[in-house]
PDB file of N, CA and C in Angstrom:
ATOM      1  N   MET A   1     -29.669   4.338 -17.329  1.00  0.00           N
ATOM      2  CA  MET A   1     -28.776   3.784 -16.703  1.00  0.00           C
ATOM      3  C   MET A   1     -27.611   2.997 -17.226  1.00  0.00           C
ATOM      4  N   ILE A   2     -26.501   3.259 -16.503  1.00  0.00           N
ATOM      5  CA  ILE A   2     -25.259   2.883 -17.556  1.00  0.00           C
ATOM      6  C   ILE A   2     -24.927   1.466 -17.484  1.00  0.00           C
ATOM      7  N   VAL A   3     -24.114   0.970 -18.156  1.00  0.00           N
ATOM      8  CA  VAL A   3     -23.843  -0.364 -18.794  1.00  0.00           C
ATOM      9  C   VAL A   3     -22.720  -0.114 -18.860  1.00  0.00           C
ATOM     10  N   VAL A   4     -21.564  -1.264 -18.647  1.00  0.00           N
ATOM     11  CA  VAL A   4     -20.261  -1.126 -18.309  1.00  0.00           C
ATOM     12  C   VAL A   4     -20.147  -2.575 -19.102  1.00  0.00           C
ATOM     13  N   ARG A   5     -19.431  -2.789 -20.083  1.00  0.00           N
ATOM     14  CA  ARG A   5     -18.952  -4.085 -20.812  1.00  0.00           C
ATOM     15  C   ARG A   5     -18.191  -4.630 -20.055  1.00  0.00           C
ATOM     16  N   PRO A   6     -18.145  -5.774 -19.568  1.00  0.00           N
ATOM     17  CA  PRO A   6     -17.187  -6.546 -18.735  1.00  0.00           C
ATOM     18  C   PRO A   6     -15.509  -6.611 -19.426  1.00  0.00           C
ATOM     19  N   SER A   7     -15.103  -5.920 -20.704  1.00  0.00           N
ATOM     20  CA  SER A   7     -13.921  -5.897 -21.251  1.00  0.00           C
ATOM     21  C   SER A   7     -13.549  -4.776 -20.549  1.00  0.00           C
ATOM     22  N   THR A   8     -14.265  -3.815 -20.182  1.00  0.00           N
ATOM     23  CA  THR A   8     -13.801  -2.289 -19.823  1.00  0.00           C
ATOM     24  C   THR A   8     -13.709  -2.120 -18.343  1.00  0.00           C
ATOM     25  N   LEU A   9     -14.527  -3.380 -17.491  1.00  0.00           N
ATOM     26  CA  LEU A   9     -14.848  -3.496 -16.139  1.00  0.00           C
ATOM     27  C   LEU A   9     -13.271  -4.118 -15.777  1.00  0.00           C
ATOM     28  N   SER A  10     -12.958  -5.387 -16.638  1.00  0.00           N
ATOM     29  CA  SER A  10     -11.605  -5.960 -16.547  1.00  0.00           C
ATOM     30  C   SER A  10     -10.494  -4.989 -16.187  1.00  0.00           C
ATOM     31  N   ARG A  11     -10.091  -3.964 -17.668  1.00  0.00           N
ATOM     32  CA  ARG A  11      -9.275  -3.418 -17.642  1.00  0.00           C
ATOM     33  C   ARG A  11      -9.367  -2.160 -16.443  1.00  0.00           C
ATOM     34  N   LEU A  12     -10.692  -1.678 -16.322  1.00  0.00           N
ATOM     35  CA  LEU A  12     -10.373  -1.035 -15.157  1.00  0.00           C
ATOM     36  C   LEU A  12      -9.720  -1.664 -13.628  1.00  0.00           C
ATOM     37  N   GLY A  13     -10.639  -3.115 -13.696  1.00  0.00           N
ATOM     38  CA  GLY A  13      -9.863  -3.570 -12.366  1.00  0.00           C
ATOM     39  C   GLY A  13      -8.589  -3.743 -12.431  1.00  0.00           C
ATOM     40  N   ARG A  14      -8.002  -4.056 -13.497  1.00  0.00           N
ATOM     41  CA  ARG A  14      -6.711  -4.656 -13.624  1.00  0.00           C
ATOM     42  C   ARG A  14      -5.856  -3.553 -13.472  1.00  0.00           C
ATOM     43  N   GLY A  15      -6.080  -1.929 -13.944  1.00  0.00           N
ATOM     44  CA  GLY A  15      -5.552  -1.126 -14.056  1.00  0.00           C
ATOM     45  C   GLY A  15      -5.541  -0.617 -12.303  1.00  0.00           C
ATOM     46  N   ALA A  16      -6.477  -0.684 -11.547  1.00  0.00           N
ATOM     47  CA  ALA A  16      -6.883  -0.226 -10.284  1.00  0.00           C
ATOM     48  C   ALA A  16      -5.999  -1.101  -9.329  1.00  0.00           C
ATOM     49  N   ALA A  17      -5.670  -2.500  -9.830  1.00  0.00           N
ATOM     50  CA  ALA A  17      -5.019  -3.088  -9.099  1.00  0.00           C
ATOM     51  C   ALA A  17      -3.622  -2.889  -8.994  1.00  0.00           C
ATOM     52  N   SER A  18      -3.220  -2.554 -10.617  1.00  0.00           N
ATOM     53  CA  SER A  18      -1.790  -2.335 -10.590  1.00  0.00           C
ATOM     54  C   SER A  18      -1.808  -1.372  -9.805  1.00  0.00           C
ATOM     55  N   ALA A  19      -2.060  -0.338 -10.493  1.00  0.00           N
ATOM     56  CA  ALA A  19      -1.920   0.830  -9.386  1.00  0.00           C
ATOM     57  C   ALA A  19      -1.706   0.623  -8.203  1.00  0.00           C
ATOM     58  N   GLY A  20      -2.381   0.310  -7.390  1.00  0.00           N
ATOM     59  CA  GLY A  20      -2.699   0.046  -6.423  1.00  0.00           C
ATOM     60  C   GLY A  20      -1.502  -0.580  -5.738  1.00  0.00           C
ATOM     61  N   ALA A  21      -1.006  -1.957  -6.081  1.00  0.00           N
ATOM     62  CA  ALA A  21       0.288  -2.389  -6.030  1.00  0.00           C
ATOM     63  C   ALA A  21       1.231  -1.679  -5.805  1.00  0.00           C
ATOM     64  N   VAL A  22       1.613  -1.160  -7.095  1.00  0.00           N
ATOM     65  CA  VAL A  22       2.658   0.081  -7.448  1.00  0.00           C
ATOM     66  C   VAL A  22       2.670   1.186  -6.030  1.00  0.00           C
ATOM     67  N   ALA A  23       1.610   1.649  -5.964  1.00  0.00           N
ATOM     68  CA  ALA A  23       1.290   2.517  -4.924  1.00  0.00           C
ATOM     69  C   ALA A  23       1.817   1.992  -3.422  1.00  0.00           C
ATOM     70  N   LEU A  24       1.542   0.863  -3.139  1.00  0.00           N
ATOM     71  CA  LEU A  24       1.879   0.207  -2.132  1.00  0.00           C
ATOM     72  C   LEU A  24       3.300  -0.049  -1.770  1.00  0.00           C
ATOM     73  N   ALA A  25       3.730  -0.415  -3.117  1.00  0.00           N
ATOM     74  CA  ALA A  25       5.100  -0.624  -3.064  1.00  0.00           C
ATOM     75  C   ALA A  25       6.169   0.134  -2.479  1.00  0.00           C
ATOM     76  N   LEU A  26       5.417   1.803  -3.609  1.00  0.00           N
ATOM     77  CA  LEU A  26       6.075   3.008  -2.687  1.00  0.00           C
ATOM     78  C   LEU A  26       5.985   3.664  -1.541  1.00  0.00           C
ATOM     79  N   ALA A  27       5.021   3.270  -0.938  1.00  0.00           N
ATOM     80  CA  ALA A  27       4.226   3.603   0.345  1.00  0.00           C
ATOM     81  C   ALA A  27       5.571   2.790   1.333  1.00  0.00           C
ATOM     82  N   LEU A  28       5.361   1.458   1.294  1.00  0.00           N
ATOM     83  CA  LEU A  28       6.195   0.724   1.753  1.00  0.00           C
ATOM     84  C   LEU A  28       7.619   0.977   1.721  1.00  0.00           C
ATOM     85  N   ALA A  29       8.244   1.664   0.750  1.00  0.00           N
ATOM     86  CA  ALA A  29       9.363   2.151   0.367  1.00  0.00           C
ATOM     87  C   ALA A  29       9.907   3.512   0.970  1.00  0.00           C
ATOM     88  N   TRP A  30       8.716   4.172   1.050  1.00  0.00           N
ATOM     89  CA  TRP A  30       8.577   5.753   1.659  1.00  0.00           C
ATOM     90  C   TRP A  30       8.805   5.223   3.387  1.00  0.00           C
ATOM     91  N   TRP A  31       7.995   4.144   3.667  1.00  0.00           N
ATOM     92  CA  TRP A  31       8.070   4.159   5.204  1.00  0.00           C
ATOM     93  C   TRP A  31       9.799   3.322   5.829  1.00  0.00           C
ATOM     94  N   ALA A  32      10.204   2.830   4.652  1.00  0.00           N
ATOM     95  CA  ALA A  32      11.520   2.203   5.121  1.00  0.00           C
ATOM     96  C   ALA A  32      12.348   2.991   4.912  1.00  0.00           C
ATOM     97  N   ILE A  33      12.522   4.134   4.084  1.00  0.00           N
ATOM     98  CA  ILE A  33      13.388   5.313   4.017  1.00  0.00           C
ATOM     99  C   ILE A  33      13.055   6.302   5.282  1.00  0.00           C
ATOM    100  N   VAL A  34      12.088   6.167   5.801  1.00  0.00           N
ATOM    101  CA  VAL A  34      12.270   7.188   7.006  1.00  0.00           C
ATOM    102  C   VAL A  34      12.347   6.323   8.430  1.00  0.00           C
ATOM    103  N   PHE A  35      11.558   4.972   8.424  1.00  0.00           N
ATOM    104  CA  PHE A  35      11.797   4.478   9.583  1.00  0.00           C
ATOM    105  C   PHE A  35      13.180   3.382   9.778  1.00  0.00           C
ATOM    106  N   TRP A  36      13.785   3.234   8.614  1.00  0.00           N
ATOM    107  CA  TRP A  36      14.826   2.475   8.835  1.00  0.00           C
ATOM    108  C   TRP A  36      16.026   3.221   9.745  1.00  0.00           C
ATOM    109  N   PRO A  37      16.172   4.308   9.933  1.00  0.00           N
ATOM    110  CA  PRO A  37      17.409   5.161  10.623  1.00  0.00           C
ATOM    111  C   PRO A  37      16.808   5.395  11.934  1.00  0.00           C
ATOM    112  N   VAL A  38      15.238   5.287  12.086  1.00  0.00           N
ATOM    113  CA  VAL A  38      14.511   5.021  13.397  1.00  0.00           C
ATOM    114  C   VAL A  38      14.755   3.734  14.131  1.00  0.00           C
ATOM    115  N   ILE A  39      14.702   2.550  13.418  1.00  0.00           N
ATOM    116  CA  ILE A  39      14.945   1.368  13.815  1.00  0.00           C
ATOM    117  C   ILE A  39      16.284   1.025  14.067  1.00  0.00           C
ATOM    118  N   SER A  40      16.889   1.565  13.456  1.00  0.00           N
ATOM    119  CA  SER A  40      18.497   1.374  13.674  1.00  0.00           C
ATOM    120  C   SER A  40      18.961   2.313  14.850  1.00  0.00           C
ATOM    121  N   ASN A  41      18.451   3.250  15.138  1.00  0.00           N
ATOM    122  CA  ASN A  41      18.931   4.173  16.321  1.00  0.00           C
ATOM    123  C   ASN A  41      18.146   3.676  17.802  1.00  0.00           C
ATOM    124  N   ASN A  42      17.282   3.026  17.530  1.00  0.00           N
ATOM    125  CA  ASN A  42      16.534   1.661  18.344  1.00  0.00           C
ATOM    126  C   ASN A  42      15.622   2.745  19.443  1.00  0.00           C
ATOM    127  N   TYR A  43      15.015   4.039  18.853  1.00  0.00           N
ATOM    128  CA  TYR A  43      14.224   4.559  18.836  1.00  0.00           C
ATOM    129  C   TYR A  43      12.523   3.734  18.969  1.00  0.00           C
ATOM    130  N   LEU A  44      12.577   2.758  18.194  1.00  0.00           N
ATOM    131  CA  LEU A  44      11.567   2.145  18.258  1.00  0.00           C
ATOM    132  C   LEU A  44      11.717   0.699  17.645  1.00  0.00           C
ATOM    133  N   SER A  45      11.040  -0.287  18.055  1.00  0.00           N
ATOM    134  CA  SER A  45      11.381  -1.518  17.893  1.00  0.00           C
ATOM    135  C   SER A  45      10.718  -1.608  16.412  1.00  0.00           C
ATOM    136  N   PRO A  46      11.154  -2.904  15.766  1.00  0.00           N
ATOM    137  CA  PRO A  46      10.291  -3.079  14.229  1.00  0.00           C
ATOM    138  C   PRO A  46       8.987  -3.145  14.206  1.00  0.00           C
ATOM    139  N   ALA A  47       8.429  -3.765  15.076  1.00  0.00           N
ATOM    140  CA  ALA A  47       7.135  -3.858  15.278  1.00  0.00           C
ATOM    141  C   ALA A  47       6.359  -2.856  15.494  1.00  0.00           C
ATOM    142  N   GLU A  48       6.710  -1.924  16.394  1.00  0.00           N
ATOM    143  CA  GLU A  48       6.341  -0.631  16.514  1.00  0.00           C
ATOM    144  C   GLU A  48       6.394   0.203  15.459  1.00  0.00           C
ATOM    145  N   SER A  49       7.170   0.154  14.650  1.00  0.00           N
ATOM    146  CA  SER A  49       7.394   0.976  13.653  1.00  0.00           C
ATOM    147  C   SER A  49       6.911   0.836  12.615  1.00  0.00           C
ATOM    148  N   LEU A  50       6.497  -0.508  12.534  1.00  0.00           N
ATOM    149  CA  LEU A  50       5.424  -1.194  11.596  1.00  0.00           C
ATOM    150  C   LEU A  50       4.317  -0.795  11.530  1.00  0.00           C
ATOM    151  N   SER A  51       3.414  -0.315  12.824  1.00  0.00           N
ATOM    152  CA  SER A  51       2.409  -0.132  13.390  1.00  0.00           C
ATOM    153  C   SER A  51       2.421   1.293  12.866  1.00  0.00           C
ATOM    154  N   CYS A  52       3.091   2.238  12.381  1.00  0.00           N
ATOM    155  CA  CYS A  52       3.605   3.650  11.526  1.00  0.00           C
ATOM    156  C   CYS A  52       2.850   3.744  10.276  1.00  0.00           C
ATOM    157  N   THR A  53       3.169   2.459   9.579  1.00  0.00           N
ATOM    158  CA  THR A  53       2.342   2.390   8.144  1.00  0.00           C
ATOM    159  C   THR A  53       0.751   2.556   8.208  1.00  0.00           C
ATOM    160  N   ILE A  54       0.125   1.849   9.324  1.00  0.00           N
ATOM    161  CA  ILE A  54      -1.525   2.228   9.014  1.00  0.00           C
ATOM    162  C   ILE A  54      -1.962   3.208   9.876  1.00  0.00           C
ATOM    163  N   ALA A  55      -1.172   3.769  10.991  1.00  0.00           N
ATOM    164  CA  ALA A  55      -2.200   4.579  11.627  1.00  0.00           C
ATOM    165  C   ALA A  55      -0.886   5.464  12.435  1.00  0.00           C
ATOM    166  N   GLY A  56      -1.320   6.772  12.285  1.00  0.00           N
ATOM    167  CA  GLY A  56      -0.025   7.954  13.023  1.00  0.00           C
ATOM    168  C   GLY A  56      -0.150   7.952  14.366  1.00  0.00           C
ATOM    169  N   SER A  57       0.446   8.255  15.029  1.00  0.00           N
ATOM    170  CA  SER A  57       0.536   8.354  16.529  1.00  0.00           C
ATOM    171  C   SER A  57       1.468   9.190  16.964  1.00  0.00           C
ATOM    172  N   SER A  58       1.304   9.635  18.095  1.00  0.00           N
ATOM    173  CA  SER A  58       2.203  10.515  18.991  1.00  0.00           C
ATOM    174  C   SER A  58       3.629   9.998  19.292  1.00  0.00           C
ATOM    175  N   ILE A  59       3.775   8.454  19.514  1.00  0.00           N
ATOM    176  CA  ILE A  59       4.793   7.745  19.163  1.00  0.00           C
ATOM    177  C   ILE A  59       5.644   7.670  17.862  1.00  0.00           C
ATOM    178  N   CYS A  60       5.087   7.552  16.665  1.00  0.00           N
ATOM    179  CA  CYS A  60       5.559   7.768  15.842  1.00  0.00           C
ATOM    180  C   CYS A  60       6.347   8.949  15.127  1.00  0.00           C
ATOM    181  N   ASP A  61       5.165  10.289  15.479  1.00  0.00           N
ATOM    182  CA  ASP A  61       5.764  11.255  15.293  1.00  0.00           C
ATOM    183  C   ASP A  61       6.793  11.596  16.148  1.00  0.00           C
ATOM    184  N   LEU A  62       7.207  11.100  17.273  1.00  0.00           N
ATOM    185  CA  LEU A  62       8.238  11.697  18.207  1.00  0.00           C
ATOM    186  C   LEU A  62       9.404  10.721  17.765  1.00  0.00           C
ATOM    187  N   ALA A  63       9.189   9.643  17.287  1.00  0.00           N
ATOM    188  CA  ALA A  63      10.382   8.773  16.832  1.00  0.00           C
ATOM    189  C   ALA A  63      11.075   9.707  15.568  1.00  0.00           C
ATOM    190  N   GLN A  64      10.022  10.003  14.956  1.00  0.00           N
ATOM    191  CA  GLN A  64      10.541  10.544  13.495  1.00  0.00           C
ATOM    192  C   GLN A  64      11.440  12.182  13.867  1.00  0.00           C
ATOM    193  N   SER A  65      10.798  12.530  14.816  1.00  0.00           N
ATOM    194  CA  SER A  65      11.304  13.880  14.993  1.00  0.00           C
ATOM    195  C   SER A  65      12.606  13.936  16.081  1.00  0.00           C
ATOM    196  N   LEU A  66      13.039  12.838  16.872  1.00  0.00           N
ATOM    197  CA  LEU A  66      13.948  12.784  17.541  1.00  0.00           C
ATOM    198  C   LEU A  66      15.187  11.886  16.197  1.00  0.00           C
ATOM    199  N   CYS A  67      15.027  11.084  15.574  1.00  0.00           N
ATOM    200  CA  CYS A  67      15.583  10.947  14.467  1.00  0.00           C
ATOM    201  C   CYS A  67      16.669  11.896  14.115  1.00  0.00           C
ATOM    202  N   ARG A  68      18.146  11.926  14.342  1.00  0.00           N
ATOM    203  CA  ARG A  68      18.869  12.971  13.737  1.00  0.00           C
ATOM    204  C   ARG A  68      19.598  12.294  12.580  1.00  0.00           C
ATOM    205  N   SER A  69      19.424  11.114  12.019  1.00  0.00           N
ATOM    206  CA  SER A  69      20.051  10.558  11.015  1.00  0.00           C
ATOM    207  C   SER A  69      19.946  11.204   9.793  1.00  0.00           C
ATOM    208  N   SER A  70      20.743  11.198   8.639  1.00  0.00           N
ATOM    209  CA  SER A  70      20.720  11.638   7.448  1.00  0.00           C
ATOM    210  C   SER A  70      19.869  10.303   6.725  1.00  0.00           C
ATOM    211  N   HIS A  71      18.758  11.005   6.187  1.00  0.00           N
ATOM    212  CA  HIS A  71      17.567  10.129   5.291  1.00  0.00           C
ATOM    213  C   HIS A  71      17.948  10.187   3.674  1.00  0.00           C
ATOM    214  N   PHE A  72      17.802   8.741   3.086  1.00  0.00           N
ATOM    215  CA  PHE A  72      17.708   9.016   1.834  1.00  0.00           C
ATOM    216  C   PHE A  72      16.781   9.993   0.860  1.00  0.00           C
ATOM    217  N   LEU A  73      17.573  10.834   0.127  1.00  0.00           N
ATOM    218  CA  LEU A  73      16.982  12.264  -0.224  1.00  0.00           C
ATOM    219  C   LEU A  73      16.253  13.193   0.826  1.00  0.00           C
ATOM    220  N   GLY A  74      16.694  13.159   1.884  1.00  0.00           N
ATOM    221  CA  GLY A  74      15.924  14.133   2.988  1.00  0.00           C
ATOM    222  C   GLY A  74      14.953  14.193   3.508  1.00  0.00           C
ATOM    223  N   ILE A  75      14.165  12.738   3.153  1.00  0.00           N
ATOM    224  CA  ILE A  75      12.960  12.295   3.621  1.00  0.00           C
ATOM    225  C   ILE A  75      13.231  12.051   4.884  1.00  0.00           C
ATOM    226  N   LYS A  76      11.972  12.774   5.847  1.00  0.00           N
ATOM    227  CA  LYS A  76      12.375  12.797   7.428  1.00  0.00           C
ATOM    228  C   LYS A  76      10.590  12.267   7.924  1.00  0.00           C
ATOM    229  N   TRP A  77       9.713  12.328   7.143  1.00  0.00           N
ATOM    230  CA  TRP A  77       8.477  12.076   7.530  1.00  0.00           C
ATOM    231  C   TRP A  77       7.779  10.972   6.785  1.00  0.00           C
ATOM    232  N   PHE A  78       6.723  10.523   7.139  1.00  0.00           N
ATOM    233  CA  PHE A  78       6.008   8.978   6.874  1.00  0.00           C
ATOM    234  C   PHE A  78       4.570   9.537   7.047  1.00  0.00           C
ATOM    235  N   SER A  79       3.616   9.433   5.895  1.00  0.00           N
ATOM    236  CA  SER A  79       2.116   9.931   5.956  1.00  0.00           C
ATOM    237  C   SER A  79       1.524   8.128   5.760  1.00  0.00           C
ATOM    238  N   PRO A  80       0.668   7.545   7.236  1.00  0.00           N
ATOM    239  CA  PRO A  80       0.010   6.407   6.754  1.00  0.00           C
ATOM    240  C   PRO A  80      -1.096   6.574   5.473  1.00  0.00           C
ATOM    241  N   ILE A  81      -1.657   7.731   5.254  1.00  0.00           N
ATOM    242  CA  ILE A  81      -2.606   8.421   4.316  1.00  0.00           C
ATOM    243  C   ILE A  81      -1.984   7.277   2.765  1.00  0.00           C
ATOM    244  N   ALA A  82      -0.369   7.520   2.531  1.00  0.00           N
ATOM    245  CA  ALA A  82      -0.328   6.528   1.715  1.00  0.00           C
ATOM    246  C   ALA A  82      -0.449   5.325   1.425  1.00  0.00           C
ATOM    247  N   THR A  83      -0.745   4.675   2.631  1.00  0.00           N
ATOM    248  CA  THR A  83      -0.519   2.742   2.797  1.00  0.00           C
ATOM    249  C   THR A  83      -2.428   2.907   2.648  1.00  0.00           C
ATOM    250  N   TRP A  84      -3.103   3.693   2.925  1.00  0.00           N
ATOM    251  CA  TRP A  84      -4.534   3.519   3.081  1.00  0.00           C
ATOM    252  C   TRP A  84      -4.954   4.032   1.507  1.00  0.00           C
ATOM    253  N   ILE A  85      -4.580   4.663   1.013  1.00  0.00           N
ATOM    254  CA  ILE A  85      -4.812   4.821  -0.475  1.00  0.00           C
ATOM    255  C   ILE A  85      -4.417   3.912  -1.177  1.00  0.00           C
ATOM    256  N   SER A  86      -3.076   3.189  -1.137  1.00  0.00           N
ATOM    257  CA  SER A  86      -2.809   2.301  -1.900  1.00  0.00           C
ATOM    258  C   SER A  86      -3.728   0.773  -1.621  1.00  0.00           C
ATOM    259  N   VAL A  87      -4.164   0.592  -0.382  1.00  0.00           N
ATOM    260  CA  VAL A  87      -5.078  -0.905  -0.294  1.00  0.00           C
ATOM    261  C   VAL A  87      -6.162  -0.331  -0.613  1.00  0.00           C
ATOM    262  N   ALA A  88      -6.898   1.003  -0.757  1.00  0.00           N
ATOM    263  CA  ALA A  88      -8.091   1.154  -1.249  1.00  0.00           C
ATOM    264  C   ALA A  88      -8.200   0.925  -2.996  1.00  0.00           C
ATOM    265  N   LEU A  89      -7.110   1.098  -3.905  1.00  0.00           N
ATOM    266  CA  LEU A  89      -6.871   0.892  -5.170  1.00  0.00           C
ATOM    267  C   LEU A  89      -6.797  -0.368  -5.346  1.00  0.00           C
ATOM    268  N   LEU A  90      -5.898  -0.958  -4.768  1.00  0.00           N
ATOM    269  CA  LEU A  90      -5.899  -2.495  -4.797  1.00  0.00           C
ATOM    270  C   LEU A  90      -6.952  -3.286  -4.578  1.00  0.00           C
ATOM    271  N   SER A  91      -7.999  -2.417  -3.442  1.00  0.00           N
ATOM    272  CA  SER A  91      -8.921  -3.178  -3.219  1.00  0.00           C
ATOM    273  C   SER A  91     -10.214  -3.160  -3.974  1.00  0.00           C
ATOM    274  N   ALA A  92     -10.257  -1.930  -4.753  1.00  0.00           N
ATOM    275  CA  ALA A  92     -11.252  -1.704  -5.546  1.00  0.00           C
ATOM    276  C   ALA A  92     -10.767  -2.877  -7.143  1.00  0.00           C
ATOM    277  N   GLY A  93      -9.330  -2.667  -7.360  1.00  0.00           N
ATOM    278  CA  GLY A  93      -8.956  -3.188  -8.513  1.00  0.00           C
ATOM    279  C   GLY A  93      -9.448  -4.688  -8.595  1.00  0.00           C
ATOM    280  N   ILE A  94      -9.210  -5.387  -7.277  1.00  0.00           N
ATOM    281  CA  ILE A  94      -9.823  -6.603  -6.670  1.00  0.00           C
ATOM    282  C   ILE A  94     -10.945  -6.783  -7.167  1.00  0.00           C
ATOM    283  N   VAL A  95     -11.996  -5.821  -6.657  1.00  0.00           N
ATOM    284  CA  VAL A  95     -13.296  -6.070  -6.926  1.00  0.00           C
ATOM    285  C   VAL A  95     -13.975  -5.787  -7.972  1.00  0.00           C
ATOM    286  N   LEU A  96     -13.271  -4.751  -8.853  1.00  0.00           N
ATOM    287  CA  LEU A  96     -13.835  -4.742 -10.274  1.00  0.00           C
ATOM    288  C   LEU A  96     -13.680  -5.785 -11.391  1.00  0.00           C
ATOM    289  N   THR A  97     -12.313  -6.462 -10.734  1.00  0.00           N
ATOM    290  CA  THR A  97     -11.936  -7.830 -11.854  1.00  0.00           C
ATOM    291  C   THR A  97     -13.070  -8.651 -11.637  1.00  0.00           C
ATOM    292  N   PRO A  98     -13.690  -8.708 -12.763  1.00  0.00           N
ATOM    293  CA  PRO A  98     -14.513  -9.978 -13.015  1.00  0.00           C
ATOM    294  C   PRO A  98     -14.166 -11.563 -12.891  1.00  0.00           C
ATOM    295  N   ILE A  99     -14.537 -12.061 -12.379  1.00  0.00           N
ATOM    296  CA  ILE A  99     -14.157 -13.467 -12.096  1.00  0.00           C
ATOM    297  C   ILE A  99     -14.587 -14.370 -13.560  1.00  0.00           C
ATOM    298  N   PRO A 100     -13.442 -14.967 -14.096  1.00  0.00           N
ATOM    299  CA  PRO A 100     -13.718 -15.614 -15.338  1.00  0.00           C
ATOM    300  C   PRO A 100     -14.732 -16.415 -15.313  1.00  0.00           C
ATOM    301  N   GLU A 101     -15.727 -16.766 -16.593  1.00  0.00           N
ATOM    302  CA  GLU A 101     -16.708 -17.712 -16.320  1.00  0.00           C
ATOM    303  C   GLU A 101     -16.164 -19.325 -16.344  1.00  0.00           C
ATOM    304  N   THR A 102     -16.266 -20.186 -16.208  1.00  0.00           N
ATOM    305  CA  THR A 102     -15.715 -21.773 -16.293  1.00  0.00           C
ATOM    306  C   THR A 102     -16.949 -22.508 -16.717  1.00  0.00           C
ATOM    307  N   ASP A 103     -17.074 -23.307 -17.697  1.00  0.00           N
ATOM    308  CA  ASP A 103     -17.825 -24.053 -17.982  1.00  0.00           C
ATOM    309  C   ASP A 103     -17.482 -25.290 -17.373  1.00  0.00           C
ATOM    310  N   VAL A 104     -18.434 -26.038 -16.611  1.00  0.00           N
ATOM    311  CA  VAL A 104     -18.075 -26.998 -15.715  1.00  0.00           C
ATOM    312  C   VAL A 104     -18.344 -28.227 -16.726  1.00  0.00           C
ATOM    313  N   HIS A 105     -19.643 -27.974 -17.141  1.00  0.00           N
ATOM    314  CA  HIS A 105     -19.771 -29.315 -18.055  1.00  0.00           C
ATOM    315  C   HIS A 105     -18.863 -29.929 -19.545  1.00  0.00           C
ATOM    316  N   SER A 106     -18.136 -28.640 -19.537  1.00  0.00           N
ATOM    317  CA  SER A 106     -17.188 -28.889 -20.974  1.00  0.00           C
ATOM    318  C   SER A 106     -15.558 -29.299 -20.366  1.00  0.00           C
ATOM    319  N   GLN A 107     -15.402 -29.391 -18.985  1.00  0.00           N
ATOM    320  CA  GLN A 107     -14.111 -29.951 -18.623  1.00  0.00           C
ATOM    321  C   GLN A 107     -14.500 -31.882 -18.554  1.00  0.00           C
ATOM    322  N   THR A 108     -13.277 -32.370 -19.090  1.00  0.00           N
ATOM    323  CA  THR A 108     -13.307 -33.608 -19.345  1.00  0.00           C
ATOM    324  C   THR A 108     -12.531 -34.100 -18.341  1.00  0.00           C
ATOM    325  N   GLU A 109     -13.005 -35.510 -17.704  1.00  0.00           N
ATOM    326  CA  GLU A 109     -12.132 -35.766 -16.331  1.00  0.00           C
ATOM    327  C   GLU A 109     -11.422 -37.136 -16.414  1.00  0.00           C
TER     328      GLU A 109
END
């Protein structure tokens, strides 16, 4: 049987949550780089393009391919897999981070 100390689990959880938060920020920045010109050129509404962060569709692919604007760093496509990996890491970090125990009896009122 594998036994994991709470301090190790806590560090692992915080690390995964931090990595997930950074990855989510990067995924949203990647989405913004690709879809800001798409929104600006009225190929998709902001709500329609936001749906492209979680699921690829033919509409998202079409809007990306029709956009002829110059994109920052030449990035012209976005993968929703980046969003899902980020959310998975963040969720794993939250689940792995133990809740600190509090002694109810020692609190003064």
